[in-house]
Amino acid sequence: MTITYRTATIADIKEVAELSSLMHSPPYTTDEDLTIEECTEMHREEFESDDEIAFFLAFDGSIPVGLSYVTHKYEYVEGTDMDGTTGYLEGIYVKPNYRNKGIAKNLVDMCENWAKEQGAREFASGCLIDNNESLAFHLKYGFEETQRIICFNKKI
């Protein structure tokens, strides 16, 4: 197994959408599943209109096995200083058979390096409060838990 990595472009929308739809499915989210078509539409818009986002892919040969993406935020991000911009790990997914092989670390490193190149002085992320797998992942890769929040919504 030889894993290669690259920055994704719009030409990679199929691979990005496939992995993103897996990431946006239970047990990784409590929201409704996002289909490949929905992910394609969502990410196509991001590729076409937003230079404050970057996607990174990992491949085993020609098989896409991992995805990460990062944004450059100027507004306040929970748990960070308010005196600068922040790179934000929006999502990361590695197919189950490829986990614990260093792929996620390389994808996170690519996101962090991109954020630094954009001028970010901090790198942040988040997960659902009961997602212990994601919590363990973040702690393993050098993130520090800064706070826990519960969000509320009310239909009016």
C-alpha atoms as a PDB file:
ATOM      1  CA  MET A   1       0.000   0.000   0.000  1.00  0.00           C
ATOM      2  CA  THR A   2       1.438   3.324  -1.128  1.00  0.00           C
ATOM      3  CA  ILE A   3      -0.573   6.333  -0.039  1.00  0.00           C
ATOM      4  CA  THR A   4      -0.279   9.551  -2.007  1.00  0.00           C
ATOM      5  CA  TYR A   5      -1.688  12.952  -1.123  1.00  0.00           C
ATOM      6  CA  ARG A   6      -2.695  16.002  -3.063  1.00  0.00           C
ATOM      7  CA  THR A   7      -4.630  19.220  -2.887  1.00  0.00           C
ATOM      8  CA  ALA A   8      -8.026  18.621  -4.461  1.00  0.00           C
ATOM      9  CA  THR A   9      -9.334  20.722  -7.345  1.00  0.00           C
ATOM     10  CA  ILE A  10     -12.740  20.949  -8.966  1.00  0.00           C
ATOM     11  CA  ALA A  11     -11.636  18.029 -11.155  1.00  0.00           C
ATOM     12  CA  ASP A  12     -11.696  15.908  -7.982  1.00  0.00           C
ATOM     13  CA  ILE A  13     -15.303  16.763  -7.106  1.00  0.00           C
ATOM     14  CA  LYS A  14     -16.425  13.136  -7.498  1.00  0.00           C
ATOM     15  CA  GLU A  15     -13.855  11.856  -4.995  1.00  0.00           C
ATOM     16  CA  VAL A  16     -14.454  14.752  -2.582  1.00  0.00           C
ATOM     17  CA  ALA A  17     -18.233  14.225  -2.686  1.00  0.00           C
ATOM     18  CA  GLU A  18     -17.955  10.445  -2.224  1.00  0.00           C
ATOM     19  CA  LEU A  19     -15.791  10.742   0.891  1.00  0.00           C
ATOM     20  CA  SER A  20     -17.743  13.718   2.201  1.00  0.00           C
ATOM     21  CA  SER A  21     -21.015  11.775   1.996  1.00  0.00           C
ATOM     22  CA  LEU A  22     -19.446   8.999   4.091  1.00  0.00           C
ATOM     23  CA  MET A  23     -18.294  11.583   6.621  1.00  0.00           C
ATOM     24  CA  HIS A  24     -21.780  13.110   6.787  1.00  0.00           C
ATOM     25  CA  SER A  25     -23.475   9.829   7.645  1.00  0.00           C
ATOM     26  CA  PRO A  26     -24.056   8.144  11.000  1.00  0.00           C
ATOM     27  CA  PRO A  27     -22.251   7.442  13.226  1.00  0.00           C
ATOM     28  CA  TYR A  28     -20.246  10.576  12.355  1.00  0.00           C
ATOM     29  CA  THR A  29     -23.170  12.996  12.472  1.00  0.00           C
ATOM     30  CA  THR A  30     -26.587  13.221  14.049  1.00  0.00           C
ATOM     31  CA  ASP A  31     -27.959  15.086  11.054  1.00  0.00           C
ATOM     32  CA  GLU A  32     -29.620  13.382   8.133  1.00  0.00           C
ATOM     33  CA  ASP A  33     -27.264  11.632   5.742  1.00  0.00           C
ATOM     34  CA  LEU A  34     -25.959  13.783   2.926  1.00  0.00           C
ATOM     35  CA  THR A  35     -26.077  12.035  -0.429  1.00  0.00           C
ATOM     36  CA  ILE A  36     -23.219  12.110  -2.904  1.00  0.00           C
ATOM     37  CA  GLU A  37     -25.338  14.426  -5.050  1.00  0.00           C
ATOM     38  CA  GLU A  38     -25.890  16.855  -2.149  1.00  0.00           C
ATOM     39  CA  CYS A  39     -22.194  16.803  -1.306  1.00  0.00           C
ATOM     40  CA  THR A  40     -21.313  17.372  -4.954  1.00  0.00           C
ATOM     41  CA  GLU A  41     -23.522  20.451  -5.097  1.00  0.00           C
ATOM     42  CA  MET A  42     -22.286  21.801  -1.757  1.00  0.00           C
ATOM     43  CA  HIS A  43     -18.599  21.347  -2.524  1.00  0.00           C
ATOM     44  CA  ARG A  44     -18.858  22.480  -6.154  1.00  0.00           C
ATOM     45  CA  GLU A  45     -20.135  25.836  -4.856  1.00  0.00           C
ATOM     46  CA  GLU A  46     -17.219  26.003  -2.414  1.00  0.00           C
ATOM     47  CA  PHE A  47     -14.659  25.209  -5.121  1.00  0.00           C
ATOM     48  CA  GLU A  48     -16.165  27.801  -7.450  1.00  0.00           C
ATOM     49  CA  SER A  49     -16.778  30.663  -5.047  1.00  0.00           C
ATOM     50  CA  ASP A  50     -14.529  30.376  -2.028  1.00  0.00           C
ATOM     51  CA  ASP A  51     -10.774  30.785  -1.937  1.00  0.00           C
ATOM     52  CA  GLU A  52     -10.874  30.529   1.853  1.00  0.00           C
ATOM     53  CA  ILE A  53     -11.239  26.742   1.758  1.00  0.00           C
ATOM     54  CA  ALA A  54      -8.926  23.911   0.752  1.00  0.00           C
ATOM     55  CA  PHE A  55      -9.568  20.200   0.279  1.00  0.00           C
ATOM     56  CA  PHE A  56      -6.942  17.475   0.544  1.00  0.00           C
ATOM     57  CA  LEU A  57      -7.211  13.883  -0.646  1.00  0.00           C
ATOM     58  CA  ALA A  58      -5.364  10.670   0.164  1.00  0.00           C
ATOM     59  CA  PHE A  59      -5.230   7.850  -2.385  1.00  0.00           C
ATOM     60  CA  ASP A  60      -4.220   4.215  -2.346  1.00  0.00           C
ATOM     61  CA  GLY A  61      -3.257   3.962  -5.989  1.00  0.00           C
ATOM     62  CA  SER A  62      -6.294   5.454  -7.729  1.00  0.00           C
ATOM     63  CA  ILE A  63      -8.688   4.692  -4.858  1.00  0.00           C
ATOM     64  CA  PRO A  64      -9.665   7.712  -2.746  1.00  0.00           C
ATOM     65  CA  VAL A  65      -9.282   6.730   0.918  1.00  0.00           C
ATOM     66  CA  GLY A  66      -9.166  10.002   2.851  1.00  0.00           C
ATOM     67  CA  LEU A  67     -10.409  13.572   2.790  1.00  0.00           C
ATOM     68  CA  SER A  68      -9.786  16.647   4.893  1.00  0.00           C
ATOM     69  CA  TYR A  69     -10.821  20.218   4.443  1.00  0.00           C
ATOM     70  CA  VAL A  70      -9.979  23.457   6.114  1.00  0.00           C
ATOM     71  CA  THR A  71     -11.279  27.014   6.065  1.00  0.00           C
ATOM     72  CA  HIS A  72      -9.705  30.328   6.912  1.00  0.00           C
ATOM     73  CA  LYS A  73     -11.903  32.147   9.407  1.00  0.00           C
ATOM     74  CA  TYR A  74     -11.668  35.812  10.310  1.00  0.00           C
ATOM     75  CA  GLU A  75     -14.520  35.829  12.810  1.00  0.00           C
ATOM     76  CA  TYR A  76     -14.221  34.548  16.365  1.00  0.00           C
ATOM     77  CA  VAL A  77     -13.916  30.785  16.730  1.00  0.00           C
ATOM     78  CA  GLU A  78     -14.882  29.246  20.080  1.00  0.00           C
ATOM     79  CA  GLY A  79     -11.845  28.688  22.287  1.00  0.00           C
ATOM     80  CA  THR A  80      -9.404  30.839  20.299  1.00  0.00           C
ATOM     81  CA  ASP A  81      -7.866  34.254  20.840  1.00  0.00           C
ATOM     82  CA  MET A  82      -9.743  37.035  19.119  1.00  0.00           C
ATOM     83  CA  ASP A  83      -6.637  38.762  17.780  1.00  0.00           C
ATOM     84  CA  GLY A  84      -6.187  37.002  14.480  1.00  0.00           C
ATOM     85  CA  THR A  85      -7.358  34.600  11.919  1.00  0.00           C
ATOM     86  CA  THR A  86      -7.886  30.919  12.547  1.00  0.00           C
ATOM     87  CA  GLY A  87      -7.560  27.862  10.382  1.00  0.00           C
ATOM     88  CA  TYR A  88     -10.509  25.579  11.028  1.00  0.00           C
ATOM     89  CA  LEU A  89     -10.528  21.851  10.329  1.00  0.00           C
ATOM     90  CA  GLU A  90     -14.021  21.537   8.877  1.00  0.00           C
ATOM     91  CA  GLY A  91     -13.899  17.810   8.330  1.00  0.00           C
ATOM     92  CA  ILE A  92     -11.730  14.752   8.061  1.00  0.00           C
ATOM     93  CA  TYR A  93     -12.579  11.234   6.991  1.00  0.00           C
ATOM     94  CA  VAL A  94     -10.488   8.135   6.381  1.00  0.00           C
ATOM     95  CA  LYS A  95     -12.094   4.910   5.216  1.00  0.00           C
ATOM     96  CA  PRO A  96     -12.198   2.356   8.055  1.00  0.00           C
ATOM     97  CA  ASN A  97      -9.731  -0.115   6.484  1.00  0.00           C
ATOM     98  CA  TYR A  98      -7.136   2.670   6.202  1.00  0.00           C
ATOM     99  CA  ARG A  99      -7.326   4.041   9.730  1.00  0.00           C
ATOM    100  CA  ASN A 100      -4.433   4.003  12.202  1.00  0.00           C
ATOM    101  CA  LYS A 101      -1.878   4.139   9.396  1.00  0.00           C
ATOM    102  CA  GLY A 102      -0.918   7.823   9.683  1.00  0.00           C
ATOM    103  CA  ILE A 103      -3.208   8.987   6.883  1.00  0.00           C
ATOM    104  CA  ALA A 104      -5.311  11.227   9.127  1.00  0.00           C
ATOM    105  CA  LYS A 105      -2.196  12.815  10.616  1.00  0.00           C
ATOM    106  CA  ASN A 106      -0.867  13.648   7.161  1.00  0.00           C
ATOM    107  CA  LEU A 107      -4.223  15.107   6.120  1.00  0.00           C
ATOM    108  CA  VAL A 108      -4.419  17.225   9.291  1.00  0.00           C
ATOM    109  CA  ASP A 109      -0.824  18.386   8.751  1.00  0.00           C
ATOM    110  CA  MET A 110      -1.735  19.470   5.207  1.00  0.00           C
ATOM    111  CA  CYS A 111      -4.672  21.472   6.563  1.00  0.00           C
ATOM    112  CA  GLU A 112      -2.576  23.051   9.291  1.00  0.00           C
ATOM    113  CA  ASN A 113       0.189  23.990   6.840  1.00  0.00           C
ATOM    114  CA  TRP A 114      -2.367  25.525   4.464  1.00  0.00           C
ATOM    115  CA  ALA A 115      -3.816  27.552   7.345  1.00  0.00           C
ATOM    116  CA  LYS A 116      -0.344  28.846   8.268  1.00  0.00           C
ATOM    117  CA  GLU A 117       0.256  29.842   4.639  1.00  0.00           C
ATOM    118  CA  GLN A 118      -2.999  31.831   4.777  1.00  0.00           C
ATOM    119  CA  GLY A 119      -1.744  33.755   7.808  1.00  0.00           C
ATOM    120  CA  ALA A 120      -3.556  31.850  10.542  1.00  0.00           C
ATOM    121  CA  ARG A 121      -1.949  31.838  13.975  1.00  0.00           C
ATOM    122  CA  GLU A 122      -4.298  29.243  15.447  1.00  0.00           C
ATOM    123  CA  PHE A 123      -5.812  26.020  14.220  1.00  0.00           C
ATOM    124  CA  ALA A 124      -9.168  24.880  15.595  1.00  0.00           C
ATOM    125  CA  SER A 125     -11.787  22.202  15.101  1.00  0.00           C
ATOM    126  CA  GLY A 126     -14.856  20.808  16.785  1.00  0.00           C
ATOM    127  CA  CYS A 127     -17.017  17.747  17.162  1.00  0.00           C
ATOM    128  CA  LEU A 128     -20.324  16.708  18.626  1.00  0.00           C
ATOM    129  CA  ILE A 129     -20.262  16.552  22.412  1.00  0.00           C
ATOM    130  CA  ASP A 130     -20.896  12.791  22.484  1.00  0.00           C
ATOM    131  CA  ASN A 131     -18.533  11.843  19.628  1.00  0.00           C
ATOM    132  CA  ASN A 132     -15.837  10.165  21.699  1.00  0.00           C
ATOM    133  CA  GLU A 133     -14.063   8.795  18.617  1.00  0.00           C
ATOM    134  CA  SER A 134     -13.620  12.317  17.256  1.00  0.00           C
ATOM    135  CA  LEU A 135     -12.583  13.646  20.662  1.00  0.00           C
ATOM    136  CA  ALA A 136      -9.880  10.965  20.913  1.00  0.00           C
ATOM    137  CA  PHE A 137      -8.750  11.745  17.356  1.00  0.00           C
ATOM    138  CA  HIS A 138      -8.383  15.461  18.079  1.00  0.00           C
ATOM    139  CA  LEU A 139      -6.488  14.892  21.323  1.00  0.00           C
ATOM    140  CA  LYS A 140      -4.184  12.390  19.594  1.00  0.00           C
ATOM    141  CA  TYR A 141      -3.228  14.962  16.961  1.00  0.00           C
ATOM    142  CA  GLY A 142      -2.347  17.768  19.325  1.00  0.00           C
ATOM    143  CA  PHE A 143      -5.597  19.648  19.749  1.00  0.00           C
ATOM    144  CA  GLU A 144      -6.499  20.736  23.270  1.00  0.00           C
ATOM    145  CA  GLU A 145     -10.090  20.727  24.420  1.00  0.00           C
ATOM    146  CA  THR A 146     -10.950  24.340  25.217  1.00  0.00           C
ATOM    147  CA  GLN A 147     -14.616  24.128  26.145  1.00  0.00           C
ATOM    148  CA  ARG A 148     -17.821  22.189  25.691  1.00  0.00           C
ATOM    149  CA  ILE A 149     -21.013  23.812  24.555  1.00  0.00           C
ATOM    150  CA  ILE A 150     -24.561  22.774  23.983  1.00  0.00           C
ATOM    151  CA  CYS A 151     -26.416  24.606  21.243  1.00  0.00           C
ATOM    152  CA  PHE A 152     -30.121  25.344  21.316  1.00  0.00           C
ATOM    153  CA  ASN A 153     -32.707  26.002  18.634  1.00  0.00           C
ATOM    154  CA  LYS A 154     -36.362  26.907  18.743  1.00  0.00           C
ATOM    155  CA  LYS A 155     -38.790  27.040  15.838  1.00  0.00           C
ATOM    156  CA  ILE A 156     -40.753  30.287  15.725  1.00  0.00           C
END
